[in-house]
Amino acid sequence: MTLKIHVIPEKNLYFSEPNPFSFGNPDNPPVQPPFWSAENWLQTRFHFSFAEYDNPSNETFGVLRVMNDDLVQPERGFATHAHRDMEIITYVVSGELTHEDTMGNAETLRRGSVQYMTAGTGVEHSEHNRSEDTPMRCIQTWILPKEYGLKPNYGSYSNPGGIKVGDSAWENTLKHLTSSVDNKAEDIVAPARINQDVDCYAAELELGAQVLLELPKGRMAYMLCIEGAVSVASESMTSSTSPVCSGQHFDVQKHDGCEITGTGGAISITATETESTENGDLAHVLLFTMATAPNAGRSDLHK
């Protein structure tokens, strides 16, 4: 069993600052308010082709179709818009995300909360940062469903595995956030189930802390370093042309992506740098595992 690890540096992601009018927002203030962290209402990093970013060599990673790392300024957001035939997972990193949809759901989610939605035959929703003085950051992922025309569904939670985010039991562990509705294994405790064979995990790590994940044969993974920096390694790892490879450890910085493919093995993720967060000084990662797909990965970056 061998693994191939390719780091996708932040510089190779697409950085977007869309016009506020496109999403029902007022114009940006003429002078940046002191509590705004950027001049534009939204800064987002696209991991895959999306909106104005069209890259045929980076359409998907297996069934992952979209991963957007969004930073939304206070009193701004996405006005009501439609989705169809997609499984959508939103992970709140900081601040507050307020969601409303045509199924009658309305709630505000905070750090560590997970929102999952089956768009199916069609649903409309809005997402806003209603805070007057605090930016909001979230990671939104779109996953191709196992079948089309499903009944729309929505759910969320803020205490994965019954542990309140921010408690000591949350740190330095790999939390299983979502799994497939078809996964009947008794040891699967992921509180959210989606209509695709995808597992989502998150970890908040103190400096030097490490988590392990066994990636079975026939599975691959995509990881995002949300905060701080981590080192990713595997005892069964093959060589790579990645410029950030140092021995058998791959350095993954904040905002970087990381593709993990091959024939399976154990992955270690170690915090090498932390930053100040709402939960203390931590490194923070989000990771998705799924069935192996032929030729998965950024073909424009590694041949």
Protein backbone atom coordinates (compact mmCIF):
# COMPACT_ATOMS: atom_id res chain seq x y z
CA MET A 1 0.00 0.00 0.00
CA THR A 2 1.40 3.39 -0.98
CA LEU A 3 0.18 6.96 -0.79
CA LYS A 4 0.90 9.95 -3.00
CA ILE A 5 0.64 13.37 -1.40
CA HIS A 6 0.47 16.58 -3.42
CA VAL A 7 0.23 19.96 -1.71
CA ILE A 8 -1.80 22.63 -3.51
CA PRO A 9 -0.22 25.92 -2.36
CA GLU A 10 -2.49 28.88 -1.72
CA LYS A 11 -0.90 30.69 -4.67
CA ASN A 12 -2.40 28.04 -6.97
CA LEU A 13 -5.94 28.59 -5.70
CA TYR A 14 -8.18 31.14 -7.42
CA PHE A 15 -8.68 34.27 -5.32
CA SER A 16 -11.98 36.10 -5.96
CA GLU A 17 -13.42 39.41 -4.74
CA PRO A 18 -16.85 39.61 -6.42
CA ASN A 19 -18.89 42.76 -6.92
CA PRO A 20 -21.24 43.26 -3.94
CA PHE A 21 -24.22 44.00 -6.19
CA SER A 22 -24.04 40.47 -7.63
CA PHE A 23 -25.26 39.05 -4.32
CA GLY A 24 -27.68 41.73 -3.16
CA ASN A 25 -25.28 43.74 -1.01
CA PRO A 26 -24.85 47.50 -0.80
CA ASP A 27 -21.64 48.95 -2.17
CA ASN A 28 -18.46 48.59 -0.13
CA PRO A 29 -17.88 51.50 2.29
CA PRO A 30 -15.72 54.27 0.75
CA VAL A 31 -13.40 53.92 3.74
CA GLN A 32 -12.76 50.48 5.22
CA PRO A 33 -14.44 50.29 8.66
CA PRO A 34 -12.07 49.45 11.53
CA PHE A 35 -13.91 46.18 12.21
CA TRP A 36 -13.69 44.98 8.58
CA SER A 37 -10.72 42.72 7.84
CA ALA A 38 -10.69 43.49 4.08
CA GLU A 39 -11.81 46.25 1.71
CA ASN A 40 -14.22 44.04 -0.26
CA TRP A 41 -17.34 42.51 1.29
CA LEU A 42 -16.17 39.01 0.28
CA GLN A 43 -12.80 37.38 -0.23
CA THR A 44 -12.95 33.77 -1.35
CA ARG A 45 -10.51 31.10 -2.45
CA PHE A 46 -11.76 28.54 -4.97
CA HIS A 47 -10.14 25.10 -4.75
CA PHE A 48 -11.95 23.96 -7.92
CA SER A 49 -13.46 25.65 -10.98
CA PHE A 50 -16.29 27.94 -9.91
CA ALA A 51 -17.99 31.14 -11.12
CA GLU A 52 -15.47 33.19 -13.14
CA TYR A 53 -12.71 30.61 -12.52
CA ASP A 54 -12.80 28.13 -15.40
CA ASN A 55 -10.00 25.56 -15.34
CA PRO A 56 -10.70 22.31 -17.23
CA SER A 57 -7.74 20.73 -15.40
CA ASN A 58 -9.31 21.47 -12.02
CA GLU A 59 -13.02 20.73 -12.28
CA THR A 60 -13.34 18.17 -9.48
CA PHE A 61 -11.49 15.90 -7.10
CA GLY A 62 -13.51 12.72 -7.29
CA VAL A 63 -17.03 13.69 -6.23
CA LEU A 64 -15.85 17.00 -4.71
CA ARG A 65 -17.15 19.66 -7.08
CA VAL A 66 -16.70 22.89 -5.09
CA MET A 67 -14.65 23.95 -2.08
CA ASN A 68 -14.83 27.68 -1.38
CA ASP A 69 -13.06 29.32 1.55
CA ASP A 70 -15.22 32.41 2.18
CA LEU A 71 -14.47 35.47 4.33
CA VAL A 72 -17.60 37.63 4.63
CA GLN A 73 -17.51 41.08 6.22
CA PRO A 74 -20.08 42.31 8.79
CA GLU A 75 -23.66 42.91 7.61
CA ARG A 76 -22.97 41.31 4.24
CA GLY A 77 -23.84 37.98 2.65
CA PHE A 78 -25.47 36.01 -0.14
CA ALA A 79 -29.06 36.94 -0.97
CA THR A 80 -31.59 34.19 -1.75
CA HIS A 81 -30.32 31.89 -4.49
CA ALA A 82 -31.12 28.41 -5.78
CA HIS A 83 -29.36 25.04 -5.66
CA ARG A 84 -30.24 21.76 -7.30
CA ASP A 85 -28.87 18.18 -7.28
CA MET A 86 -25.93 18.78 -4.96
CA GLU A 87 -24.94 17.74 -1.43
CA ILE A 88 -23.70 20.89 0.35
CA ILE A 89 -21.63 20.94 3.54
CA THR A 90 -20.77 24.25 5.22
CA TYR A 91 -18.27 24.39 8.09
CA VAL A 92 -18.12 27.59 10.14
CA VAL A 93 -14.59 28.68 11.07
CA SER A 94 -15.24 31.98 12.84
CA GLY A 95 -17.97 34.54 13.37
CA GLU A 96 -21.66 33.82 12.79
CA LEU A 97 -23.43 32.42 9.72
CA THR A 98 -27.19 33.01 9.48
CA HIS A 99 -29.08 30.64 7.17
CA GLU A 100 -32.67 30.83 5.88
CA ASP A 101 -34.27 28.59 3.26
CA THR A 102 -37.53 27.77 1.47
CA MET A 103 -37.94 24.63 3.59
CA GLY A 104 -38.63 26.86 6.60
CA ASN A 105 -35.24 26.57 8.28
CA ALA A 106 -33.69 29.64 9.90
CA GLU A 107 -30.75 29.62 12.32
CA THR A 108 -27.39 31.15 13.19
CA LEU A 109 -24.31 28.92 13.35
CA ARG A 110 -20.94 29.57 15.00
CA ARG A 111 -17.40 28.16 15.03
CA GLY A 112 -17.23 24.42 14.53
CA SER A 113 -20.87 24.13 13.46
CA VAL A 114 -21.71 21.98 10.46
CA GLN A 115 -24.58 22.63 8.07
CA TYR A 116 -25.57 19.98 5.54
CA MET A 117 -28.15 20.25 2.78
CA THR A 118 -29.47 17.99 0.04
CA ALA A 119 -30.50 20.38 -2.74
CA GLY A 120 -32.15 17.58 -4.73
CA THR A 121 -35.12 18.73 -6.82
CA GLY A 122 -34.43 22.32 -5.81
CA VAL A 123 -34.13 24.62 -2.82
CA GLU A 124 -33.52 28.33 -2.30
CA HIS A 125 -31.61 29.79 0.64
CA SER A 126 -29.69 32.81 1.84
CA GLU A 127 -26.50 33.04 3.91
CA HIS A 128 -25.52 36.19 5.79
CA ASN A 129 -23.14 37.56 8.36
CA ARG A 130 -25.58 39.57 10.49
CA SER A 131 -22.93 40.72 12.95
CA GLU A 132 -22.31 44.45 13.05
CA ASP A 133 -18.62 44.19 13.88
CA THR A 134 -17.20 40.68 13.29
CA PRO A 135 -16.19 39.06 9.99
CA MET A 136 -17.38 35.50 9.31
CA ARG A 137 -15.34 32.74 7.70
CA CYS A 138 -16.74 29.44 6.46
CA ILE A 139 -15.77 26.58 4.18
CA GLN A 140 -18.50 25.52 1.77
CA THR A 141 -18.18 22.25 -0.12
CA TRP A 142 -20.44 20.95 -2.87
CA ILE A 143 -20.47 17.19 -3.42
CA LEU A 144 -21.99 15.40 -6.40
CA PRO A 145 -24.92 13.27 -5.13
CA LYS A 146 -25.24 9.51 -5.58
CA GLU A 147 -28.44 10.13 -7.56
CA TYR A 148 -30.38 13.08 -8.92
CA GLY A 149 -33.89 14.24 -8.11
CA LEU A 150 -33.71 13.58 -4.37
CA LYS A 151 -36.06 15.22 -1.89
CA PRO A 152 -34.49 18.40 -0.46
CA ASN A 153 -33.29 18.12 3.13
CA TYR A 154 -31.48 20.32 5.66
CA GLY A 155 -29.75 19.77 8.97
CA SER A 156 -27.05 21.20 11.22
CA TYR A 157 -25.31 20.58 14.51
CA SER A 158 -22.77 22.26 16.75
CA ASN A 159 -21.65 19.46 19.06
CA PRO A 160 -19.96 16.71 17.03
CA GLY A 161 -20.04 13.44 18.94
CA GLY A 162 -21.80 15.16 21.81
CA ILE A 163 -18.72 17.28 22.55
CA LYS A 164 -19.13 21.03 22.64
CA VAL A 165 -16.71 22.69 20.26
CA GLY A 166 -14.03 24.44 22.31
CA ASP A 167 -14.07 21.88 25.13
CA SER A 168 -10.73 20.20 25.84
CA ALA A 169 -12.12 16.91 24.48
CA TRP A 170 -12.50 18.57 21.07
CA GLU A 171 -8.84 19.49 20.73
CA ASN A 172 -6.16 17.15 19.40
CA THR A 173 -8.67 14.64 18.07
CA LEU A 174 -10.00 13.85 14.61
CA LYS A 175 -13.74 14.46 14.70
CA HIS A 176 -15.94 12.57 12.25
CA LEU A 177 -18.45 15.16 11.04
CA THR A 178 -20.34 13.54 8.15
CA SER A 179 -20.75 10.13 6.53
CA SER A 180 -22.94 8.46 3.91
CA VAL A 181 -26.61 7.65 4.54
CA ASP A 182 -25.73 4.16 3.28
CA ASN A 183 -22.99 3.59 5.87
CA LYS A 184 -24.51 1.20 8.41
CA ALA A 185 -21.31 0.41 10.32
CA GLU A 186 -21.99 0.46 14.05
CA ASP A 187 -18.74 2.28 14.80
CA ILE A 188 -19.66 5.27 12.60
CA VAL A 189 -20.71 8.09 14.94
CA ALA A 190 -20.80 10.97 12.44
CA PRO A 191 -23.90 13.01 13.33
CA ALA A 192 -24.60 14.05 9.72
CA ARG A 193 -25.41 11.72 6.84
CA ILE A 194 -25.30 12.80 3.20
CA ASN A 195 -26.28 11.16 -0.09
CA GLN A 196 -22.77 10.28 -1.21
CA ASP A 197 -19.92 8.03 -0.08
CA VAL A 198 -17.94 10.85 1.53
CA ASP A 199 -16.63 11.19 5.07
CA CYS A 200 -15.70 14.59 6.48
CA TYR A 201 -13.36 15.12 9.45
CA ALA A 202 -12.03 18.16 11.33
CA ALA A 203 -9.24 18.58 13.85
CA GLU A 204 -8.09 21.46 16.04
CA LEU A 205 -4.51 20.80 17.14
CA GLU A 206 -2.22 22.31 19.74
CA LEU A 207 1.40 22.80 18.72
CA GLY A 208 3.05 19.41 18.21
CA ALA A 209 -0.18 17.46 18.56
CA GLN A 210 -0.85 14.72 16.02
CA VAL A 211 -3.87 12.84 14.68
CA LEU A 212 -3.88 9.69 12.55
CA LEU A 213 -6.24 8.52 9.83
CA GLU A 214 -6.19 5.15 8.11
CA LEU A 215 -7.03 5.56 4.44
CA PRO A 216 -8.15 2.14 3.14
CA LYS A 217 -7.41 0.85 -0.33
CA GLY A 218 -9.89 2.34 -2.77
CA ARG A 219 -10.18 5.66 -0.88
CA MET A 220 -8.55 9.05 -1.43
CA ALA A 221 -8.65 12.32 0.49
CA TYR A 222 -8.57 16.09 0.10
CA MET A 223 -7.48 18.25 3.03
CA LEU A 224 -7.60 22.00 3.67
CA CYS A 225 -5.40 23.66 6.28
CA ILE A 226 -7.79 26.23 7.76
CA GLU A 227 -5.58 27.79 10.43
CA GLY A 228 -1.92 27.48 11.43
CA ALA A 229 0.20 24.92 9.59
CA VAL A 230 0.60 21.15 9.66
CA SER A 231 2.92 18.42 8.47
CA VAL A 232 1.34 15.50 6.58
CA ALA A 233 3.16 12.19 6.35
CA SER A 234 2.68 8.49 5.77
CA GLU A 235 4.97 5.52 6.33
CA SER A 236 3.84 4.14 2.99
CA MET A 237 4.30 7.38 1.06
CA THR A 238 5.92 7.40 -2.38
CA SER A 239 8.16 10.17 -3.66
CA SER A 240 6.63 13.34 -5.05
CA THR A 241 7.77 16.35 -7.03
CA SER A 242 6.06 18.74 -4.60
CA PRO A 243 8.44 21.63 -3.81
CA VAL A 244 7.41 21.57 -0.14
CA CYS A 245 8.42 17.93 0.36
CA SER A 246 11.01 17.56 3.11
CA GLY A 247 11.98 13.93 3.52
CA GLN A 248 8.69 12.12 4.06
CA HIS A 249 6.89 15.09 5.58
CA PHE A 250 4.86 17.54 3.53
CA ASP A 251 4.39 21.05 4.92
CA VAL A 252 0.85 22.38 4.48
CA GLN A 253 0.36 26.07 5.28
CA LYS A 254 -2.79 28.05 6.04
CA HIS A 255 -5.18 28.06 3.03
CA ASP A 256 -3.23 25.29 1.25
CA GLY A 257 -5.01 22.24 -0.10
CA CYS A 258 -3.61 18.71 -0.07
CA GLU A 259 -4.46 15.77 -2.35
CA ILE A 260 -3.88 12.27 -0.98
CA THR A 261 -4.19 9.43 -3.47
CA GLY A 262 -2.70 5.98 -4.04
CA THR A 263 -3.52 2.52 -2.75
CA GLY A 264 -4.07 3.28 0.92
CA GLY A 265 -2.11 3.70 4.14
CA ALA A 266 -1.92 5.61 7.41
CA ILE A 267 -1.85 9.42 7.34
CA SER A 268 -0.40 11.49 10.17
CA ILE A 269 -1.26 15.18 10.56
CA THR A 270 0.94 17.13 13.00
CA ALA A 271 0.56 20.78 14.03
CA THR A 272 3.77 22.65 13.20
CA GLU A 273 2.44 26.18 13.62
CA THR A 274 -0.55 27.60 15.48
CA GLU A 275 -2.44 30.87 15.37
CA SER A 276 -4.79 32.70 17.69
CA THR A 277 -8.38 31.49 17.18
CA GLU A 278 -11.70 31.73 19.00
CA ASN A 279 -10.68 28.50 20.80
CA GLY A 280 -7.07 29.41 21.61
CA ASP A 281 -3.76 28.91 19.80
CA LEU A 282 -4.37 26.08 17.35
CA ALA A 283 -3.80 24.56 13.93
CA HIS A 284 -7.01 23.53 12.22
CA VAL A 285 -7.73 21.18 9.31
CA LEU A 286 -10.77 19.93 7.39
CA LEU A 287 -10.50 16.65 5.50
CA PHE A 288 -12.75 14.72 3.10
CA THR A 289 -12.32 11.06 2.15
CA MET A 290 -14.10 9.39 -0.76
CA ALA A 291 -13.88 6.58 -3.30
CA THR A 292 -10.81 6.70 -5.52
CA ALA A 293 -11.43 8.24 -8.94
CA PRO A 294 -9.24 7.79 -12.04
CA ASN A 295 -6.80 10.63 -12.73
CA ALA A 296 -7.93 12.62 -9.67
CA GLY A 297 -5.99 15.76 -8.86
CA ARG A 298 -4.63 18.96 -10.39
CA SER A 299 -3.31 17.74 -13.73
CA ASP A 300 -2.13 21.29 -14.46
CA LEU A 301 0.20 21.17 -11.42
CA HIS A 302 1.48 17.58 -11.45
CA LYS A 303 1.73 15.35 -14.48
